[in-house]
Amino acid sequence: MSSENMRTCFQIVNAYLYLSATDFLQNYAESLCRAFCALLKDITDEGQVQVLKVVEIALKVSPILGAHMFQPLLPAVFRGIVDGERYPVVMSTYLGIMGRVLLQNSSFFSSLLTQMASDRSQKMDELFGSVIEMWVDRMDNITQPERRKLSSLALLSLLPSDNR
């Protein structure tokens, strides 16, 4: 499929997500996620960003259902952050996705962190430290104000507070 056709497909999926997120995700997210998993193995950086933007929109419009339905993709996003994805736009998108999960579905983020620590045979605290270190290190890669604000809020949400 040509990149122009792919772009059109992504625009259609994005429109459905904005118009009727719950219905669309319940009916099509599983097959869409499988297709995305296969696609991400053999796609350009620009294509990766397009796929990840769909996931980000799903998380934006339906934080709980979106995280659940695209859960198979999230470990790759997590790995990309920890391993220090070189392409800045992809890293920025990874951080946007993790920021949304952290802010809008913290219990899911916690379970993802536990899963990733187990998969990597690492202590959860060490892995979490690596994520935060890379996140702070790559904040300058985030050029869009909305994503910078999201990342800042997500990182701030990790600070201890007496008001909780």
C-alpha atoms as a PDB file:
ATOM      1  CA  MET A   1       0.000   0.000   0.000  1.00  0.00           C
ATOM      2  CA  SER A   2       1.389   3.402  -0.906  1.00  0.00           C
ATOM      3  CA  SER A   3       2.211   5.939   1.771  1.00  0.00           C
ATOM      4  CA  GLU A   4      -0.521   8.242   0.453  1.00  0.00           C
ATOM      5  CA  ASN A   5      -3.114   5.482   0.840  1.00  0.00           C
ATOM      6  CA  MET A   6      -1.818   4.754   4.343  1.00  0.00           C
ATOM      7  CA  ARG A   7      -2.091   8.421   5.262  1.00  0.00           C
ATOM      8  CA  THR A   8      -5.699   8.441   4.049  1.00  0.00           C
ATOM      9  CA  CYS A   9      -6.460   5.310   6.083  1.00  0.00           C
ATOM     10  CA  PHE A  10      -5.002   6.916   9.200  1.00  0.00           C
ATOM     11  CA  GLN A  11      -7.092  10.039   8.630  1.00  0.00           C
ATOM     12  CA  ILE A  12     -10.248   7.921   8.368  1.00  0.00           C
ATOM     13  CA  VAL A  13      -9.396   5.995  11.543  1.00  0.00           C
ATOM     14  CA  ASN A  14      -8.656   9.252  13.370  1.00  0.00           C
ATOM     15  CA  ALA A  15     -11.995  10.684  12.258  1.00  0.00           C
ATOM     16  CA  TYR A  16     -13.849   7.622  13.558  1.00  0.00           C
ATOM     17  CA  LEU A  17     -12.000   7.894  16.858  1.00  0.00           C
ATOM     18  CA  TYR A  18     -13.034  11.516  17.266  1.00  0.00           C
ATOM     19  CA  LEU A  19     -16.622  10.890  16.191  1.00  0.00           C
ATOM     20  CA  SER A  20     -17.424   7.716  18.106  1.00  0.00           C
ATOM     21  CA  ALA A  21     -14.458   6.490  20.102  1.00  0.00           C
ATOM     22  CA  THR A  22     -16.177   3.908  22.279  1.00  0.00           C
ATOM     23  CA  ASP A  23     -18.091   2.200  19.478  1.00  0.00           C
ATOM     24  CA  PHE A  24     -15.126   2.281  17.127  1.00  0.00           C
ATOM     25  CA  LEU A  25     -12.679   0.935  19.703  1.00  0.00           C
ATOM     26  CA  GLN A  26     -15.018  -1.812  20.854  1.00  0.00           C
ATOM     27  CA  ASN A  27     -15.607  -2.983  17.294  1.00  0.00           C
ATOM     28  CA  TYR A  28     -12.279  -2.449  15.567  1.00  0.00           C
ATOM     29  CA  ALA A  29      -9.447  -1.808  18.023  1.00  0.00           C
ATOM     30  CA  GLU A  30      -8.409  -5.435  18.378  1.00  0.00           C
ATOM     31  CA  SER A  31      -7.911  -5.976  14.649  1.00  0.00           C
ATOM     32  CA  LEU A  32      -6.453  -2.489  14.275  1.00  0.00           C
ATOM     33  CA  CYS A  33      -3.947  -3.215  17.034  1.00  0.00           C
ATOM     34  CA  ARG A  34      -2.914  -6.487  15.372  1.00  0.00           C
ATOM     35  CA  ALA A  35      -2.424  -4.657  12.085  1.00  0.00           C
ATOM     36  CA  PHE A  36      -0.411  -1.924  13.810  1.00  0.00           C
ATOM     37  CA  CYS A  37       1.808  -4.477  15.565  1.00  0.00           C
ATOM     38  CA  ALA A  38       2.605  -6.085  12.223  1.00  0.00           C
ATOM     39  CA  LEU A  39       3.033  -2.729  10.516  1.00  0.00           C
ATOM     40  CA  LEU A  40       5.431  -1.342  13.130  1.00  0.00           C
ATOM     41  CA  LYS A  41       7.921  -4.130  12.423  1.00  0.00           C
ATOM     42  CA  ASP A  42       8.520  -2.929   8.880  1.00  0.00           C
ATOM     43  CA  ILE A  43       7.761   0.758   8.550  1.00  0.00           C
ATOM     44  CA  THR A  44       9.617   4.046   8.254  1.00  0.00           C
ATOM     45  CA  ASP A  45       9.984   6.463  11.154  1.00  0.00           C
ATOM     46  CA  GLU A  46       7.336   8.691   9.601  1.00  0.00           C
ATOM     47  CA  GLY A  47       4.996   5.714   9.338  1.00  0.00           C
ATOM     48  CA  GLN A  48       5.661   4.862  12.973  1.00  0.00           C
ATOM     49  CA  VAL A  49       4.631   8.352  13.967  1.00  0.00           C
ATOM     50  CA  GLN A  50       1.380   8.003  12.012  1.00  0.00           C
ATOM     51  CA  VAL A  51       0.553   4.713  13.747  1.00  0.00           C
ATOM     52  CA  LEU A  52       1.439   6.118  17.148  1.00  0.00           C
ATOM     53  CA  LYS A  53      -0.686   9.217  16.560  1.00  0.00           C
ATOM     54  CA  VAL A  54      -3.721   6.954  16.163  1.00  0.00           C
ATOM     55  CA  VAL A  55      -2.886   5.314  19.489  1.00  0.00           C
ATOM     56  CA  GLU A  56      -2.388   8.724  21.074  1.00  0.00           C
ATOM     57  CA  ILE A  57      -5.762   9.932  19.814  1.00  0.00           C
ATOM     58  CA  ALA A  58      -7.414   6.770  21.151  1.00  0.00           C
ATOM     59  CA  LEU A  59      -5.857   7.468  24.549  1.00  0.00           C
ATOM     60  CA  LYS A  60      -6.925  11.095  24.363  1.00  0.00           C
ATOM     61  CA  VAL A  61     -10.583  10.415  23.591  1.00  0.00           C
ATOM     62  CA  SER A  62     -10.971   7.230  25.636  1.00  0.00           C
ATOM     63  CA  PRO A  63      -8.170   6.843  28.209  1.00  0.00           C
ATOM     64  CA  ILE A  64      -9.333   3.608  29.826  1.00  0.00           C
ATOM     65  CA  LEU A  65     -10.599   1.746  26.776  1.00  0.00           C
ATOM     66  CA  GLY A  66      -7.811   3.075  24.548  1.00  0.00           C
ATOM     67  CA  ALA A  67      -5.089   1.850  26.913  1.00  0.00           C
ATOM     68  CA  HIS A  68      -6.765  -1.521  27.247  1.00  0.00           C
ATOM     69  CA  MET A  69      -7.321  -2.012  23.517  1.00  0.00           C
ATOM     70  CA  PHE A  70      -3.830  -0.913  22.454  1.00  0.00           C
ATOM     71  CA  GLN A  71      -2.053  -2.598  25.364  1.00  0.00           C
ATOM     72  CA  PRO A  72      -0.068  -4.934  23.051  1.00  0.00           C
ATOM     73  CA  LEU A  73       1.614  -1.873  21.478  1.00  0.00           C
ATOM     74  CA  LEU A  74       2.534  -0.133  24.715  1.00  0.00           C
ATOM     75  CA  PRO A  75       5.519  -2.321  25.689  1.00  0.00           C
ATOM     76  CA  ALA A  76       7.220  -1.314  22.429  1.00  0.00           C
ATOM     77  CA  VAL A  77       6.573   2.333  23.287  1.00  0.00           C
ATOM     78  CA  PHE A  78       7.985   1.768  26.760  1.00  0.00           C
ATOM     79  CA  ARG A  79      11.070   0.032  25.325  1.00  0.00           C
ATOM     80  CA  GLY A  80      11.564   2.894  22.887  1.00  0.00           C
ATOM     81  CA  ILE A  81      11.692   5.360  25.760  1.00  0.00           C
ATOM     82  CA  VAL A  82      14.015   3.274  27.927  1.00  0.00           C
ATOM     83  CA  ASP A  83      16.322   2.420  25.024  1.00  0.00           C
ATOM     84  CA  GLY A  84      16.488   6.057  23.933  1.00  0.00           C
ATOM     85  CA  GLU A  85      14.789   6.140  20.525  1.00  0.00           C
ATOM     86  CA  ARG A  86      17.088   8.129  18.241  1.00  0.00           C
ATOM     87  CA  TYR A  87      14.487   9.716  15.977  1.00  0.00           C
ATOM     88  CA  PRO A  88      13.198  12.792  17.897  1.00  0.00           C
ATOM     89  CA  VAL A  89       9.679  12.813  16.446  1.00  0.00           C
ATOM     90  CA  VAL A  90       9.149   9.144  17.335  1.00  0.00           C
ATOM     91  CA  MET A  91      10.512   9.737  20.850  1.00  0.00           C
ATOM     92  CA  SER A  92       8.245  12.742  21.254  1.00  0.00           C
ATOM     93  CA  THR A  93       5.259  10.605  20.300  1.00  0.00           C
ATOM     94  CA  TYR A  94       6.352   7.829  22.673  1.00  0.00           C
ATOM     95  CA  LEU A  95       6.569  10.339  25.507  1.00  0.00           C
ATOM     96  CA  GLY A  96       3.155  11.750  24.615  1.00  0.00           C
ATOM     97  CA  ILE A  97       1.601   8.298  24.770  1.00  0.00           C
ATOM     98  CA  MET A  98       3.260   7.441  28.083  1.00  0.00           C
ATOM     99  CA  GLY A  99       2.319  10.836  29.477  1.00  0.00           C
ATOM    100  CA  ARG A 100      -1.328  10.235  28.647  1.00  0.00           C
ATOM    101  CA  VAL A 101      -1.288   6.771  30.173  1.00  0.00           C
ATOM    102  CA  LEU A 102       0.428   8.054  33.307  1.00  0.00           C
ATOM    103  CA  LEU A 103      -1.934  10.998  33.783  1.00  0.00           C
ATOM    104  CA  GLN A 104      -5.213   9.422  32.769  1.00  0.00           C
ATOM    105  CA  ASN A 105      -4.792   5.803  33.797  1.00  0.00           C
ATOM    106  CA  SER A 106      -2.097   5.579  36.475  1.00  0.00           C
ATOM    107  CA  SER A 107      -3.050   2.058  37.568  1.00  0.00           C
ATOM    108  CA  PHE A 108      -2.568   0.857  33.993  1.00  0.00           C
ATOM    109  CA  PHE A 109       0.798   2.627  33.873  1.00  0.00           C
ATOM    110  CA  SER A 110       1.791   0.876  37.080  1.00  0.00           C
ATOM    111  CA  SER A 111       0.841  -2.539  35.713  1.00  0.00           C
ATOM    112  CA  LEU A 112       2.712  -1.789  32.476  1.00  0.00           C
ATOM    113  CA  LEU A 113       5.782  -0.797  34.486  1.00  0.00           C
ATOM    114  CA  THR A 114       5.555  -4.039  36.475  1.00  0.00           C
ATOM    115  CA  GLN A 115       5.210  -6.074  33.276  1.00  0.00           C
ATOM    116  CA  MET A 116       8.160  -4.332  31.632  1.00  0.00           C
ATOM    117  CA  ALA A 117      10.362  -4.764  34.710  1.00  0.00           C
ATOM    118  CA  SER A 118       9.566  -8.464  34.698  1.00  0.00           C
ATOM    119  CA  ASP A 119      10.192  -8.783  30.943  1.00  0.00           C
ATOM    120  CA  ARG A 120      13.535  -7.002  31.262  1.00  0.00           C
ATOM    121  CA  SER A 121      14.526  -8.828  34.479  1.00  0.00           C
ATOM    122  CA  GLN A 122      14.973  -5.489  36.189  1.00  0.00           C
ATOM    123  CA  LYS A 123      13.803  -4.057  39.461  1.00  0.00           C
ATOM    124  CA  MET A 124      10.781  -1.848  39.002  1.00  0.00           C
ATOM    125  CA  ASP A 125      12.475   1.119  40.716  1.00  0.00           C
ATOM    126  CA  GLU A 126      15.503   0.867  38.424  1.00  0.00           C
ATOM    127  CA  LEU A 127      13.356   0.704  35.307  1.00  0.00           C
ATOM    128  CA  PHE A 128      11.204   3.587  36.487  1.00  0.00           C
ATOM    129  CA  GLY A 129      14.353   5.605  37.164  1.00  0.00           C
ATOM    130  CA  SER A 130      15.582   4.875  33.640  1.00  0.00           C
ATOM    131  CA  VAL A 131      12.257   6.003  32.190  1.00  0.00           C
ATOM    132  CA  ILE A 132      12.282   9.262  34.135  1.00  0.00           C
ATOM    133  CA  GLU A 133      15.931   9.920  33.300  1.00  0.00           C
ATOM    134  CA  MET A 134      15.348   9.394  29.580  1.00  0.00           C
ATOM    135  CA  TRP A 135      12.114  11.394  29.705  1.00  0.00           C
ATOM    136  CA  VAL A 136      13.817  14.406  31.279  1.00  0.00           C
ATOM    137  CA  ASP A 137      16.812  14.030  28.969  1.00  0.00           C
ATOM    138  CA  ARG A 138      14.611  14.035  25.861  1.00  0.00           C
ATOM    139  CA  MET A 139      12.155  16.774  26.852  1.00  0.00           C
ATOM    140  CA  ASP A 140      13.906  19.092  24.400  1.00  0.00           C
ATOM    141  CA  ASN A 141      12.855  16.756  21.570  1.00  0.00           C
ATOM    142  CA  ILE A 142       9.241  17.677  22.218  1.00  0.00           C
ATOM    143  CA  THR A 143       8.487  20.702  20.075  1.00  0.00           C
ATOM    144  CA  GLN A 144       4.694  20.825  20.182  1.00  0.00           C
ATOM    145  CA  PRO A 145       3.417  22.928  23.107  1.00  0.00           C
ATOM    146  CA  GLU A 146       0.558  20.498  23.824  1.00  0.00           C
ATOM    147  CA  ARG A 147       2.962  17.575  24.167  1.00  0.00           C
ATOM    148  CA  ARG A 148       5.451  19.596  26.230  1.00  0.00           C
ATOM    149  CA  LYS A 149       2.679  20.533  28.621  1.00  0.00           C
ATOM    150  CA  LEU A 150       1.463  16.932  28.757  1.00  0.00           C
ATOM    151  CA  SER A 151       4.959  15.644  29.510  1.00  0.00           C
ATOM    152  CA  SER A 152       5.504  18.291  32.151  1.00  0.00           C
ATOM    153  CA  LEU A 153       2.221  17.453  33.857  1.00  0.00           C
ATOM    154  CA  ALA A 154       2.961  13.738  33.701  1.00  0.00           C
ATOM    155  CA  LEU A 155       6.377  14.212  35.282  1.00  0.00           C
ATOM    156  CA  LEU A 156       4.945  16.569  37.899  1.00  0.00           C
ATOM    157  CA  SER A 157       2.303  13.995  38.780  1.00  0.00           C
ATOM    158  CA  LEU A 158       5.129  11.752  39.972  1.00  0.00           C
ATOM    159  CA  LEU A 159       6.275  14.213  42.625  1.00  0.00           C
ATOM    160  CA  PRO A 160       5.120  13.473  46.152  1.00  0.00           C
ATOM    161  CA  SER A 161       2.508  15.788  47.582  1.00  0.00           C
ATOM    162  CA  ASP A 162       1.045  16.299  51.036  1.00  0.00           C
ATOM    163  CA  ASN A 163      -2.327  17.083  49.474  1.00  0.00           C
ATOM    164  CA  ARG A 164      -3.104  13.523  48.438  1.00  0.00           C
END
